[in-house]
Amino acid sequence: MQGILYEESTVWLFLFVTVVMGGWGAWMIARGIALGWRPYWQVVVALLLLGVAVRFIHHALFEGTFVSPHYYVVDTIVLLAVGSLGYRTTRARQMTTQYRWLYERTGPLTWRTRGGAGA
C-alpha cells in the first residue's frame, strides 16, 4: 500500500496523522457545522482546507511531499469520510432530540417521520 495511500516509510505515520489527528479534526469540524444548522456543502469546503493542513503536517514533521495532488486526494477522501459520518451522526441526533414529536431515530445516521406526524 506504500505509494498508493501513503508515502512515508511506515503506515503508522499515515494512520496517526491522517486518520487519527486529521480524522478527529474532520469529525469536530463537521460536528460544529451540523450544530450550527449549516448545510453540508460547508463541511466539504472546510475539509478541503483541512486536507491542506494534513499535507502540511506530513511535510513539516515527516518530510513528506507538500504539493502532491495524489496524496492530497487520498488524505482528503479519508477526511471527507470521517467528517461525513460526524455530520450525519450529529444531524440525526439533532433532528430526533429537538423535534422528537416529528422524527424518530432509525439508526445512528438516519431518522424518519413519526407515524402520526406530518402531512
PDB file of N, CA and C in Angstrom:
ATOM      1  N   MET A   1       0.809  -1.194   0.000  1.00  0.00           N
ATOM      2  CA  MET A   1       0.000   0.000   0.000  1.00  0.00           C
ATOM      3  C   MET A   1       0.859   1.268   0.000  1.00  0.00           C
ATOM      4  N   GLN A   2       2.159   1.095   0.366  1.00  0.00           N
ATOM      5  CA  GLN A   2       3.022   2.261   0.333  1.00  0.00           C
ATOM      6  C   GLN A   2       3.126   2.742  -1.106  1.00  0.00           C
ATOM      7  N   GLY A   3       2.989   4.022  -1.291  1.00  0.00           N
ATOM      8  CA  GLY A   3       2.998   4.588  -2.622  1.00  0.00           C
ATOM      9  C   GLY A   3       1.599   4.843  -3.150  1.00  0.00           C
ATOM     10  N   ILE A   4       0.626   4.110  -2.624  1.00  0.00           N
ATOM     11  CA  ILE A   4      -0.764   4.322  -3.041  1.00  0.00           C
ATOM     12  C   ILE A   4      -1.482   5.187  -2.009  1.00  0.00           C
ATOM     13  N   LEU A   5      -1.449   4.757  -0.737  1.00  0.00           N
ATOM     14  CA  LEU A   5      -2.123   5.509   0.329  1.00  0.00           C
ATOM     15  C   LEU A   5      -1.210   6.467   1.070  1.00  0.00           C
ATOM     16  N   TYR A   6       0.049   6.124   1.192  1.00  0.00           N
ATOM     17  CA  TYR A   6       0.964   6.955   1.975  1.00  0.00           C
ATOM     18  C   TYR A   6       2.350   6.884   1.369  1.00  0.00           C
ATOM     19  N   GLU A   7       3.137   7.931   1.649  1.00  0.00           N
ATOM     20  CA  GLU A   7       4.483   7.993   1.093  1.00  0.00           C
ATOM     21  C   GLU A   7       5.568   7.793   2.150  1.00  0.00           C
ATOM     22  N   GLU A   8       5.207   7.837   3.425  1.00  0.00           N
ATOM     23  CA  GLU A   8       6.179   7.687   4.488  1.00  0.00           C
ATOM     24  C   GLU A   8       6.701   6.248   4.532  1.00  0.00           C
ATOM     25  N   SER A   9       7.702   6.042   5.366  1.00  0.00           N
ATOM     26  CA  SER A   9       8.326   4.729   5.441  1.00  0.00           C
ATOM     27  C   SER A   9       7.460   3.693   6.153  1.00  0.00           C
ATOM     28  N   THR A  10       6.474   4.140   6.913  1.00  0.00           N
ATOM     29  CA  THR A  10       5.623   3.215   7.653  1.00  0.00           C
ATOM     30  C   THR A  10       4.171   3.674   7.604  1.00  0.00           C
ATOM     31  N   VAL A  11       3.276   2.729   7.674  1.00  0.00           N
ATOM     32  CA  VAL A  11       1.847   3.036   7.636  1.00  0.00           C
ATOM     33  C   VAL A  11       1.395   3.741   8.906  1.00  0.00           C
ATOM     34  N   TRP A  12       2.147   3.580   9.993  1.00  0.00           N
ATOM     35  CA  TRP A  12       1.754   4.173  11.275  1.00  0.00           C
ATOM     36  C   TRP A  12       1.726   5.694  11.217  1.00  0.00           C
ATOM     37  N   LEU A  13       2.608   6.294  10.440  1.00  0.00           N
ATOM     38  CA  LEU A  13       2.593   7.745  10.292  1.00  0.00           C
ATOM     39  C   LEU A  13       1.327   8.209   9.571  1.00  0.00           C
ATOM     40  N   PHE A  14       0.964   7.477   8.532  1.00  0.00           N
ATOM     41  CA  PHE A  14      -0.279   7.795   7.819  1.00  0.00           C
ATOM     42  C   PHE A  14      -1.481   7.646   8.747  1.00  0.00           C
ATOM     43  N   LEU A  15      -1.535   6.551   9.486  1.00  0.00           N
ATOM     44  CA  LEU A  15      -2.658   6.321  10.389  1.00  0.00           C
ATOM     45  C   LEU A  15      -2.722   7.386  11.487  1.00  0.00           C
ATOM     46  N   PHE A  16      -1.571   7.758  12.030  1.00  0.00           N
ATOM     47  CA  PHE A  16      -1.570   8.745  13.106  1.00  0.00           C
ATOM     48  C   PHE A  16      -1.948  10.139  12.604  1.00  0.00           C
ATOM     49  N   VAL A  17      -1.284  10.596  11.551  1.00  0.00           N
ATOM     50  CA  VAL A  17      -1.516  11.970  11.085  1.00  0.00           C
ATOM     51  C   VAL A  17      -2.850  12.108  10.368  1.00  0.00           C
ATOM     52  N   THR A  18      -3.107  11.250   9.395  1.00  0.00           N
ATOM     53  CA  THR A  18      -4.306  11.408   8.577  1.00  0.00           C
ATOM     54  C   THR A  18      -5.552  10.887   9.271  1.00  0.00           C
ATOM     55  N   VAL A  19      -5.493   9.659   9.757  1.00  0.00           N
ATOM     56  CA  VAL A  19      -6.701   9.045  10.302  1.00  0.00           C
ATOM     57  C   VAL A  19      -7.005   9.543  11.712  1.00  0.00           C
ATOM     58  N   VAL A  20      -6.025   9.539  12.601  1.00  0.00           N
ATOM     59  CA  VAL A  20      -6.283   9.921  13.992  1.00  0.00           C
ATOM     60  C   VAL A  20      -6.372  11.448  14.138  1.00  0.00           C
ATOM     61  N   MET A  21      -5.294  12.149  13.815  1.00  0.00           N
ATOM     62  CA  MET A  21      -5.300  13.609  14.001  1.00  0.00           C
ATOM     63  C   MET A  21      -6.251  14.301  13.023  1.00  0.00           C
ATOM     64  N   GLY A  22      -6.111  13.999  11.744  1.00  0.00           N
ATOM     65  CA  GLY A  22      -6.981  14.606  10.741  1.00  0.00           C
ATOM     66  C   GLY A  22      -8.422  14.164  10.890  1.00  0.00           C
ATOM     67  N   GLY A  23      -8.634  12.896  11.210  1.00  0.00           N
ATOM     68  CA  GLY A  23      -9.988  12.381  11.405  1.00  0.00           C
ATOM     69  C   GLY A  23     -10.685  13.040  12.582  1.00  0.00           C
ATOM     70  N   TRP A  24      -9.954  13.230  13.674  1.00  0.00           N
ATOM     71  CA  TRP A  24     -10.541  13.919  14.822  1.00  0.00           C
ATOM     72  C   TRP A  24     -10.919  15.345  14.450  1.00  0.00           C
ATOM     73  N   GLY A  25     -10.024  16.027  13.738  1.00  0.00           N
ATOM     74  CA  GLY A  25     -10.320  17.384  13.297  1.00  0.00           C
ATOM     75  C   GLY A  25     -11.516  17.424  12.357  1.00  0.00           C
ATOM     76  N   ALA A  26     -11.588  16.480  11.443  1.00  0.00           N
ATOM     77  CA  ALA A  26     -12.711  16.420  10.495  1.00  0.00           C
ATOM     78  C   ALA A  26     -14.022  16.173  11.224  1.00  0.00           C
ATOM     79  N   TRP A  27     -14.008  15.262  12.197  1.00  0.00           N
ATOM     80  CA  TRP A  27     -15.217  14.965  12.966  1.00  0.00           C
ATOM     81  C   TRP A  27     -15.697  16.208  13.713  1.00  0.00           C
ATOM     82  N   MET A  28     -14.767  16.910  14.351  1.00  0.00           N
ATOM     83  CA  MET A  28     -15.135  18.082  15.137  1.00  0.00           C
ATOM     84  C   MET A  28     -15.595  19.243  14.256  1.00  0.00           C
ATOM     85  N   ILE A  29     -14.965  19.430  13.115  1.00  0.00           N
ATOM     86  CA  ILE A  29     -15.395  20.478  12.183  1.00  0.00           C
ATOM     87  C   ILE A  29     -16.801  20.184  11.689  1.00  0.00           C
ATOM     88  N   ALA A  30     -17.038  18.945  11.258  1.00  0.00           N
ATOM     89  CA  ALA A  30     -18.359  18.566  10.743  1.00  0.00           C
ATOM     90  C   ALA A  30     -19.414  18.647  11.834  1.00  0.00           C
ATOM     91  N   ARG A  31     -19.064  18.254  13.028  1.00  0.00           N
ATOM     92  CA  ARG A  31     -20.000  18.334  14.155  1.00  0.00           C
ATOM     93  C   ARG A  31     -20.368  19.789  14.449  1.00  0.00           C
ATOM     94  N   GLY A  32     -19.380  20.665  14.443  1.00  0.00           N
ATOM     95  CA  GLY A  32     -19.635  22.075  14.685  1.00  0.00           C
ATOM     96  C   GLY A  32     -20.526  22.702  13.627  1.00  0.00           C
ATOM     97  N   ILE A  33     -20.310  22.321  12.384  1.00  0.00           N
ATOM     98  CA  ILE A  33     -21.140  22.841  11.301  1.00  0.00           C
ATOM     99  C   ILE A  33     -22.569  22.317  11.441  1.00  0.00           C
ATOM    100  N   ALA A  34     -22.714  21.053  11.785  1.00  0.00           N
ATOM    101  CA  ALA A  34     -24.054  20.485  11.973  1.00  0.00           C
ATOM    102  C   ALA A  34     -24.756  21.138  13.166  1.00  0.00           C
ATOM    103  N   LEU A  35     -24.040  21.374  14.253  1.00  0.00           N
ATOM    104  CA  LEU A  35     -24.652  22.001  15.423  1.00  0.00           C
ATOM    105  C   LEU A  35     -25.114  23.422  15.134  1.00  0.00           C
ATOM    106  N   GLY A  36     -24.482  24.075  14.171  1.00  0.00           N
ATOM    107  CA  GLY A  36     -24.898  25.408  13.769  1.00  0.00           C
ATOM    108  C   GLY A  36     -26.001  25.398  12.726  1.00  0.00           C
ATOM    109  N   TRP A  37     -26.528  24.221  12.411  1.00  0.00           N
ATOM    110  CA  TRP A  37     -27.600  24.044  11.427  1.00  0.00           C
ATOM    111  C   TRP A  37     -27.208  24.562  10.047  1.00  0.00           C
ATOM    112  N   ARG A  38     -25.935  24.457   9.728  1.00  0.00           N
ATOM    113  CA  ARG A  38     -25.463  24.899   8.427  1.00  0.00           C
ATOM    114  C   ARG A  38     -25.471  23.739   7.448  1.00  0.00           C
ATOM    115  N   PRO A  39     -25.490  24.007   6.143  1.00  0.00           N
ATOM    116  CA  PRO A  39     -25.609  22.945   5.139  1.00  0.00           C
ATOM    117  C   PRO A  39     -24.330  22.126   4.984  1.00  0.00           C
ATOM    118  N   TYR A  40     -24.484  20.947   4.388  1.00  0.00           N
ATOM    119  CA  TYR A  40     -23.378  20.002   4.239  1.00  0.00           C
ATOM    120  C   TYR A  40     -22.256  20.544   3.362  1.00  0.00           C
ATOM    121  N   TRP A  41     -22.561  21.363   2.373  1.00  0.00           N
ATOM    122  CA  TRP A  41     -21.509  21.851   1.481  1.00  0.00           C
ATOM    123  C   TRP A  41     -20.444  22.622   2.252  1.00  0.00           C
ATOM    124  N   GLN A  42     -20.788  23.196   3.379  1.00  0.00           N
ATOM    125  CA  GLN A  42     -19.796  23.897   4.187  1.00  0.00           C
ATOM    126  C   GLN A  42     -18.808  22.918   4.821  1.00  0.00           C
ATOM    127  N   VAL A  43     -19.272  21.711   5.095  1.00  0.00           N
ATOM    128  CA  VAL A  43     -18.368  20.660   5.590  1.00  0.00           C
ATOM    129  C   VAL A  43     -17.334  20.342   4.523  1.00  0.00           C
ATOM    130  N   VAL A  44     -17.787  20.198   3.291  1.00  0.00           N
ATOM    131  CA  VAL A  44     -16.873  19.855   2.196  1.00  0.00           C
ATOM    132  C   VAL A  44     -15.800  20.929   2.037  1.00  0.00           C
ATOM    133  N   VAL A  45     -16.194  22.184   2.032  1.00  0.00           N
ATOM    134  CA  VAL A  45     -15.229  23.279   1.884  1.00  0.00           C
ATOM    135  C   VAL A  45     -14.228  23.270   3.034  1.00  0.00           C
ATOM    136  N   ALA A  46     -14.710  23.124   4.250  1.00  0.00           N
ATOM    137  CA  ALA A  46     -13.822  23.128   5.416  1.00  0.00           C
ATOM    138  C   ALA A  46     -12.856  21.953   5.380  1.00  0.00           C
ATOM    139  N   LEU A  47     -13.320  20.788   4.943  1.00  0.00           N
ATOM    140  CA  LEU A  47     -12.451  19.613   4.929  1.00  0.00           C
ATOM    141  C   LEU A  47     -11.457  19.646   3.774  1.00  0.00           C
ATOM    142  N   LEU A  48     -11.780  20.346   2.703  1.00  0.00           N
ATOM    143  CA  LEU A  48     -10.790  20.550   1.645  1.00  0.00           C
ATOM    144  C   LEU A  48      -9.620  21.376   2.183  1.00  0.00           C
ATOM    145  N   LEU A  49      -9.920  22.352   3.005  1.00  0.00           N
ATOM    146  CA  LEU A  49      -8.858  23.149   3.639  1.00  0.00           C
ATOM    147  C   LEU A  49      -8.095  22.334   4.681  1.00  0.00           C
ATOM    148  N   LEU A  50      -8.808  21.507   5.421  1.00  0.00           N
ATOM    149  CA  LEU A  50      -8.141  20.643   6.398  1.00  0.00           C
ATOM    150  C   LEU A  50      -7.199  19.662   5.699  1.00  0.00           C
ATOM    151  N   GLY A  51      -7.552  19.234   4.503  1.00  0.00           N
ATOM    152  CA  GLY A  51      -6.661  18.368   3.727  1.00  0.00           C
ATOM    153  C   GLY A  51      -5.318  19.025   3.457  1.00  0.00           C
ATOM    154  N   VAL A  52      -5.313  20.327   3.196  1.00  0.00           N
ATOM    155  CA  VAL A  52      -4.062  21.067   3.006  1.00  0.00           C
ATOM    156  C   VAL A  52      -3.264  21.074   4.306  1.00  0.00           C
ATOM    157  N   ALA A  53      -3.942  21.269   5.425  1.00  0.00           N
ATOM    158  CA  ALA A  53      -3.254  21.272   6.722  1.00  0.00           C
ATOM    159  C   ALA A  53      -2.640  19.909   7.034  1.00  0.00           C
ATOM    160  N   VAL A  54      -3.347  18.847   6.717  1.00  0.00           N
ATOM    161  CA  VAL A  54      -2.812  17.497   6.953  1.00  0.00           C
ATOM    162  C   VAL A  54      -1.590  17.253   6.077  1.00  0.00           C
ATOM    163  N   ARG A  55      -1.642  17.701   4.817  1.00  0.00           N
ATOM    164  CA  ARG A  55      -0.472  17.566   3.938  1.00  0.00           C
ATOM    165  C   ARG A  55       0.709  18.348   4.514  1.00  0.00           C
ATOM    166  N   PHE A  56       0.425  19.533   5.074  1.00  0.00           N
ATOM    167  CA  PHE A  56       1.497  20.326   5.666  1.00  0.00           C
ATOM    168  C   PHE A  56       2.132  19.599   6.850  1.00  0.00           C
ATOM    169  N   ILE A  57       1.333  18.954   7.676  1.00  0.00           N
ATOM    170  CA  ILE A  57       1.885  18.205   8.809  1.00  0.00           C
ATOM    171  C   ILE A  57       2.767  17.068   8.313  1.00  0.00           C
ATOM    172  N   HIS A  58       2.312  16.353   7.278  1.00  0.00           N
ATOM    173  CA  HIS A  58       3.151  15.297   6.696  1.00  0.00           C
ATOM    174  C   HIS A  58       4.476  15.879   6.207  1.00  0.00           C
ATOM    175  N   HIS A  59       4.415  17.040   5.583  1.00  0.00           N
ATOM    176  CA  HIS A  59       5.617  17.676   5.040  1.00  0.00           C
ATOM    177  C   HIS A  59       6.529  18.197   6.148  1.00  0.00           C
ATOM    178  N   ALA A  60       5.963  18.939   7.087  1.00  0.00           N
ATOM    179  CA  ALA A  60       6.779  19.612   8.104  1.00  0.00           C
ATOM    180  C   ALA A  60       7.396  18.645   9.107  1.00  0.00           C
ATOM    181  N   LEU A  61       6.659  17.632   9.498  1.00  0.00           N
ATOM    182  CA  LEU A  61       7.152  16.734  10.550  1.00  0.00           C
ATOM    183  C   LEU A  61       7.817  15.469  10.034  1.00  0.00           C
ATOM    184  N   PHE A  62       7.388  14.987   8.877  1.00  0.00           N
ATOM    185  CA  PHE A  62       7.864  13.676   8.423  1.00  0.00           C
ATOM    186  C   PHE A  62       8.474  13.704   7.030  1.00  0.00           C
ATOM    187  N   GLU A  63       8.811  14.899   6.540  1.00  0.00           N
ATOM    188  CA  GLU A  63       9.494  15.083   5.261  1.00  0.00           C
ATOM    189  C   GLU A  63       8.711  14.504   4.083  1.00  0.00           C
ATOM    190  N   GLY A  64       7.406  14.593   4.160  1.00  0.00           N
ATOM    191  CA  GLY A  64       6.571  14.162   3.043  1.00  0.00           C
ATOM    192  C   GLY A  64       6.481  15.269   2.004  1.00  0.00           C
ATOM    193  N   THR A  65       5.889  14.961   0.879  1.00  0.00           N
ATOM    194  CA  THR A  65       5.709  15.937  -0.194  1.00  0.00           C
ATOM    195  C   THR A  65       4.514  16.820   0.144  1.00  0.00           C
ATOM    196  N   PHE A  66       4.728  18.136   0.142  1.00  0.00           N
ATOM    197  CA  PHE A  66       3.627  19.049   0.458  1.00  0.00           C
ATOM    198  C   PHE A  66       2.699  19.208  -0.743  1.00  0.00           C
ATOM    199  N   VAL A  67       3.248  19.488  -1.895  1.00  0.00           N
ATOM    200  CA  VAL A  67       2.442  19.693  -3.103  1.00  0.00           C
ATOM    201  C   VAL A  67       2.413  18.371  -3.869  1.00  0.00           C
ATOM    202  N   SER A  68       1.469  17.529  -3.478  1.00  0.00           N
ATOM    203  CA  SER A  68       1.283  16.239  -4.125  1.00  0.00           C
ATOM    204  C   SER A  68      -0.209  16.015  -4.320  1.00  0.00           C
ATOM    205  N   PRO A  69      -0.705  16.215  -5.535  1.00  0.00           N
ATOM    206  CA  PRO A  69      -2.145  16.032  -5.760  1.00  0.00           C
ATOM    207  C   PRO A  69      -2.640  14.639  -5.371  1.00  0.00           C
ATOM    208  N   HIS A  70      -1.835  13.621  -5.632  1.00  0.00           N
ATOM    209  CA  HIS A  70      -2.242  12.244  -5.315  1.00  0.00           C
ATOM    210  C   HIS A  70      -2.482  12.063  -3.823  1.00  0.00           C
ATOM    211  N   TYR A  71      -1.507  12.426  -3.002  1.00  0.00           N
ATOM    212  CA  TYR A  71      -1.641  12.221  -1.559  1.00  0.00           C
ATOM    213  C   TYR A  71      -2.625  13.201  -0.930  1.00  0.00           C
ATOM    214  N   TYR A  72      -2.781  14.392  -1.525  1.00  0.00           N
ATOM    215  CA  TYR A  72      -3.816  15.318  -1.054  1.00  0.00           C
ATOM    216  C   TYR A  72      -5.200  14.704  -1.249  1.00  0.00           C
ATOM    217  N   VAL A  73      -5.420  14.087  -2.398  1.00  0.00           N
ATOM    218  CA  VAL A  73      -6.716  13.454  -2.666  1.00  0.00           C
ATOM    219  C   VAL A  73      -6.952  12.294  -1.697  1.00  0.00           C
ATOM    220  N   VAL A  74      -5.936  11.483  -1.459  1.00  0.00           N
ATOM    221  CA  VAL A  74      -6.076  10.355  -0.525  1.00  0.00           C
ATOM    222  C   VAL A  74      -6.420  10.869   0.877  1.00  0.00           C
ATOM    223  N   ASP A  75      -5.662  11.851   1.362  1.00  0.00           N
ATOM    224  CA  ASP A  75      -5.920  12.403   2.697  1.00  0.00           C
ATOM    225  C   ASP A  75      -7.306  13.031   2.774  1.00  0.00           C
ATOM    226  N   THR A  76      -7.685  13.765   1.758  1.00  0.00           N
ATOM    227  CA  THR A  76      -8.975  14.454   1.770  1.00  0.00           C
ATOM    228  C   THR A  76     -10.141  13.476   1.693  1.00  0.00           C
ATOM    229  N   ILE A  77      -9.989  12.383   0.975  1.00  0.00           N
ATOM    230  CA  ILE A  77     -11.050  11.362   0.935  1.00  0.00           C
ATOM    231  C   ILE A  77     -11.257  10.769   2.323  1.00  0.00           C
ATOM    232  N   VAL A  78     -10.170  10.492   3.032  1.00  0.00           N
ATOM    233  CA  VAL A  78     -10.280   9.982   4.404  1.00  0.00           C
ATOM    234  C   VAL A  78     -10.984  11.012   5.285  1.00  0.00           C
ATOM    235  N   LEU A  79     -10.595  12.272   5.172  1.00  0.00           N
ATOM    236  CA  LEU A  79     -11.202  13.332   5.980  1.00  0.00           C
ATOM    237  C   LEU A  79     -12.680  13.504   5.645  1.00  0.00           C
ATOM    238  N   LEU A  80     -13.031  13.445   4.366  1.00  0.00           N
ATOM    239  CA  LEU A  80     -14.435  13.574   3.971  1.00  0.00           C
ATOM    240  C   LEU A  80     -15.274  12.409   4.486  1.00  0.00           C
ATOM    241  N   ALA A  81     -14.706  11.216   4.500  1.00  0.00           N
ATOM    242  CA  ALA A  81     -15.449  10.057   5.016  1.00  0.00           C
ATOM    243  C   ALA A  81     -15.731  10.215   6.508  1.00  0.00           C
ATOM    244  N   VAL A  82     -14.709  10.566   7.264  1.00  0.00           N
ATOM    245  CA  VAL A  82     -14.885  10.736   8.711  1.00  0.00           C
ATOM    246  C   VAL A  82     -15.782  11.935   8.999  1.00  0.00           C
ATOM    247  N   GLY A  83     -15.571  13.035   8.294  1.00  0.00           N
ATOM    248  CA  GLY A  83     -16.380  14.224   8.502  1.00  0.00           C
ATOM    249  C   GLY A  83     -17.838  14.011   8.146  1.00  0.00           C
ATOM    250  N   SER A  84     -18.090  13.264   7.095  1.00  0.00           N
ATOM    251  CA  SER A  84     -19.480  12.970   6.709  1.00  0.00           C
ATOM    252  C   SER A  84     -20.183  12.155   7.783  1.00  0.00           C
ATOM    253  N   LEU A  85     -19.469  11.194   8.355  1.00  0.00           N
ATOM    254  CA  LEU A  85     -20.046  10.416   9.453  1.00  0.00           C
ATOM    255  C   LEU A  85     -20.349  11.313  10.656  1.00  0.00           C
ATOM    256  N   GLY A  86     -19.436  12.212  10.975  1.00  0.00           N
ATOM    257  CA  GLY A  86     -19.653  13.128  12.094  1.00  0.00           C
ATOM    258  C   GLY A  86     -20.830  14.055  11.861  1.00  0.00           C
ATOM    259  N   TYR A  87     -20.952  14.579  10.651  1.00  0.00           N
ATOM    260  CA  TYR A  87     -22.051  15.485  10.324  1.00  0.00           C
ATOM    261  C   TYR A  87     -23.383  14.750  10.396  1.00  0.00           C
ATOM    262  N   ARG A  88     -23.442  13.582   9.792  1.00  0.00           N
ATOM    263  CA  ARG A  88     -24.711  12.854   9.738  1.00  0.00           C
ATOM    264  C   ARG A  88     -25.126  12.334  11.119  1.00  0.00           C
ATOM    265  N   THR A  89     -24.170  11.881  11.924  1.00  0.00           N
ATOM    266  CA  THR A  89     -24.478  11.436  13.277  1.00  0.00           C
ATOM    267  C   THR A  89     -25.033  12.587  14.114  1.00  0.00           C
ATOM    268  N   THR A  90     -24.389  13.741  14.017  1.00  0.00           N
ATOM    269  CA  THR A  90     -24.841  14.905  14.768  1.00  0.00           C
ATOM    270  C   THR A  90     -26.211  15.363  14.285  1.00  0.00           C
ATOM    271  N   ARG A  91     -26.426  15.388  12.985  1.00  0.00           N
ATOM    272  CA  ARG A  91     -27.711  15.832  12.450  1.00  0.00           C
ATOM    273  C   ARG A  91     -28.828  14.871  12.847  1.00  0.00           C
ATOM    274  N   ALA A  92     -28.564  13.562  12.836  1.00  0.00           N
ATOM    275  CA  ALA A  92     -29.586  12.597  13.251  1.00  0.00           C
ATOM    276  C   ALA A  92     -29.948  12.805  14.723  1.00  0.00           C
ATOM    277  N   ARG A  93     -28.955  13.047  15.555  1.00  0.00           N
ATOM    278  CA  ARG A  93     -29.219  13.303  16.966  1.00  0.00           C
ATOM    279  C   ARG A  93     -30.012  14.597  17.143  1.00  0.00           C
ATOM    280  N   GLN A  94     -29.653  15.635  16.402  1.00  0.00           N
ATOM    281  CA  GLN A  94     -30.368  16.914  16.485  1.00  0.00           C
ATOM    282  C   GLN A  94     -31.831  16.755  16.108  1.00  0.00           C
ATOM    283  N   MET A  95     -32.078  16.126  14.997  1.00  0.00           N
ATOM    284  CA  MET A  95     -33.439  16.013  14.493  1.00  0.00           C
ATOM    285  C   MET A  95     -34.330  15.216  15.441  1.00  0.00           C
ATOM    286  N   THR A  96     -33.767  14.184  16.054  1.00  0.00           N
ATOM    287  CA  THR A  96     -34.590  13.316  16.902  1.00  0.00           C
ATOM    288  C   THR A  96     -34.679  13.797  18.347  1.00  0.00           C
ATOM    289  N   THR A  97     -33.830  14.699  18.768  1.00  0.00           N
ATOM    290  CA  THR A  97     -33.974  15.242  20.116  1.00  0.00           C
ATOM    291  C   THR A  97     -34.692  16.585  20.109  1.00  0.00           C
ATOM    292  N   GLN A  98     -34.382  17.428  19.164  1.00  0.00           N
ATOM    293  CA  GLN A  98     -35.017  18.741  19.134  1.00  0.00           C
ATOM    294  C   GLN A  98     -36.449  18.673  18.590  1.00  0.00           C
ATOM    295  N   TYR A  99     -36.686  17.759  17.679  1.00  0.00           N
ATOM    296  CA  TYR A  99     -38.020  17.609  17.087  1.00  0.00           C
ATOM    297  C   TYR A  99     -38.540  16.201  17.340  1.00  0.00           C
ATOM    298  N   ARG A 100     -38.540  15.784  18.602  1.00  0.00           N
ATOM    299  CA  ARG A 100     -38.886  14.391  18.910  1.00  0.00           C
ATOM    300  C   ARG A 100     -40.337  14.054  18.608  1.00  0.00           C
ATOM    301  N   TRP A 101     -41.213  15.044  18.542  1.00  0.00           N
ATOM    302  CA  TRP A 101     -42.610  14.771  18.203  1.00  0.00           C
ATOM    303  C   TRP A 101     -42.795  14.556  16.693  1.00  0.00           C
ATOM    304  N   LEU A 102     -41.796  14.958  15.887  1.00  0.00           N
ATOM    305  CA  LEU A 102     -41.888  14.785  14.439  1.00  0.00           C
ATOM    306  C   LEU A 102     -41.082  13.613  13.911  1.00  0.00           C
ATOM    307  N   TYR A 103     -39.913  13.364  14.529  1.00  0.00           N
ATOM    308  CA  TYR A 103     -38.984  12.374  13.979  1.00  0.00           C
ATOM    309  C   TYR A 103     -38.590  11.343  15.023  1.00  0.00           C
ATOM    310  N   GLU A 104     -38.288  10.148  14.529  1.00  0.00           N
ATOM    311  CA  GLU A 104     -37.744   9.094  15.378  1.00  0.00           C
ATOM    312  C   GLU A 104     -36.495   8.540  14.713  1.00  0.00           C
ATOM    313  N   ARG A 105     -35.580   8.113  15.529  1.00  0.00           N
ATOM    314  CA  ARG A 105     -34.313   7.614  15.023  1.00  0.00           C
ATOM    315  C   ARG A 105     -34.485   6.206  14.480  1.00  0.00           C
ATOM    316  N   THR A 106     -33.890   5.942  13.317  1.00  0.00           N
ATOM    317  CA  THR A 106     -33.945   4.603  12.726  1.00  0.00           C
ATOM    318  C   THR A 106     -32.571   3.950  12.681  1.00  0.00           C
ATOM    319  N   GLY A 107     -31.564   4.677  13.049  1.00  0.00           N
ATOM    320  CA  GLY A 107     -30.202   4.164  13.070  1.00  0.00           C
ATOM    321  C   GLY A 107     -29.263   5.255  13.516  1.00  0.00           C
ATOM    322  N   PRO A 108     -27.979   4.982  13.572  1.00  0.00           N
ATOM    323  CA  PRO A 108     -27.047   6.002  14.024  1.00  0.00           C
ATOM    324  C   PRO A 108     -26.929   7.189  13.065  1.00  0.00           C
ATOM    325  N   LEU A 109     -27.283   6.995  11.791  1.00  0.00           N
ATOM    326  CA  LEU A 109     -27.149   8.062  10.804  1.00  0.00           C
ATOM    327  C   LEU A 109     -28.472   8.512  10.197  1.00  0.00           C
ATOM    328  N   THR A 110     -29.568   7.883  10.580  1.00  0.00           N
ATOM    329  CA  THR A 110     -30.837   8.152   9.894  1.00  0.00           C
ATOM    330  C   THR A 110     -31.976   8.409  10.879  1.00  0.00           C
ATOM    331  N   TRP A 111     -33.018   9.033  10.367  1.00  0.00           N
ATOM    332  CA  TRP A 111     -34.253   9.276  11.114  1.00  0.00           C
ATOM    333  C   TRP A 111     -35.399   9.237  10.127  1.00  0.00           C
ATOM    334  N   ARG A 112     -36.622   9.130  10.661  1.00  0.00           N
ATOM    335  CA  ARG A 112     -37.802   9.145   9.807  1.00  0.00           C
ATOM    336  C   ARG A 112     -38.923   9.885  10.522  1.00  0.00           C
ATOM    337  N   THR A 113     -39.921  10.261   9.736  1.00  0.00           N
ATOM    338  CA  THR A 113     -41.092  10.934  10.296  1.00  0.00           C
ATOM    339  C   THR A 113     -41.888   9.953  11.138  1.00  0.00           C
ATOM    340  N   ARG A 114     -42.341  10.414  12.281  1.00  0.00           N
ATOM    341  CA  ARG A 114     -43.182   9.561  13.145  1.00  0.00           C
ATOM    342  C   ARG A 114     -44.474   9.242  12.451  1.00  0.00           C
ATOM    343  N   GLY A 115     -45.107   8.159  12.837  1.00  0.00           N
ATOM    344  CA  GLY A 115     -46.342   7.687  12.201  1.00  0.00           C
ATOM    345  C   GLY A 115     -47.486   8.676  12.199  1.00  0.00           C
ATOM    346  N   GLY A 116     -47.749   9.364  13.298  1.00  0.00           N
ATOM    347  CA  GLY A 116     -48.884  10.267  13.371  1.00  0.00           C
ATOM    348  C   GLY A 116     -48.548  11.709  13.051  1.00  0.00           C
ATOM    349  N   ALA A 117     -47.283  12.018  12.725  1.00  0.00           N
ATOM    350  CA  ALA A 117     -46.878  13.407  12.479  1.00  0.00           C
ATOM    351  C   ALA A 117     -46.827  13.717  11.000  1.00  0.00           C
ATOM    352  N   GLY A 118     -46.917  14.959  10.691  1.00  0.00           N
ATOM    353  CA  GLY A 118     -46.734  15.419   9.314  1.00  0.00           C
ATOM    354  C   GLY A 118     -47.993  15.301   8.479  1.00  0.00           C
ATOM    355  N   ALA A 119     -47.852  15.690   7.227  1.00  0.00           N
ATOM    356  CA  ALA A 119     -48.992  15.667   6.319  1.00  0.00           C
ATOM    357  C   ALA A 119     -48.957  14.457   5.433  1.00  0.00           C
TER     358      ALA A 119
END
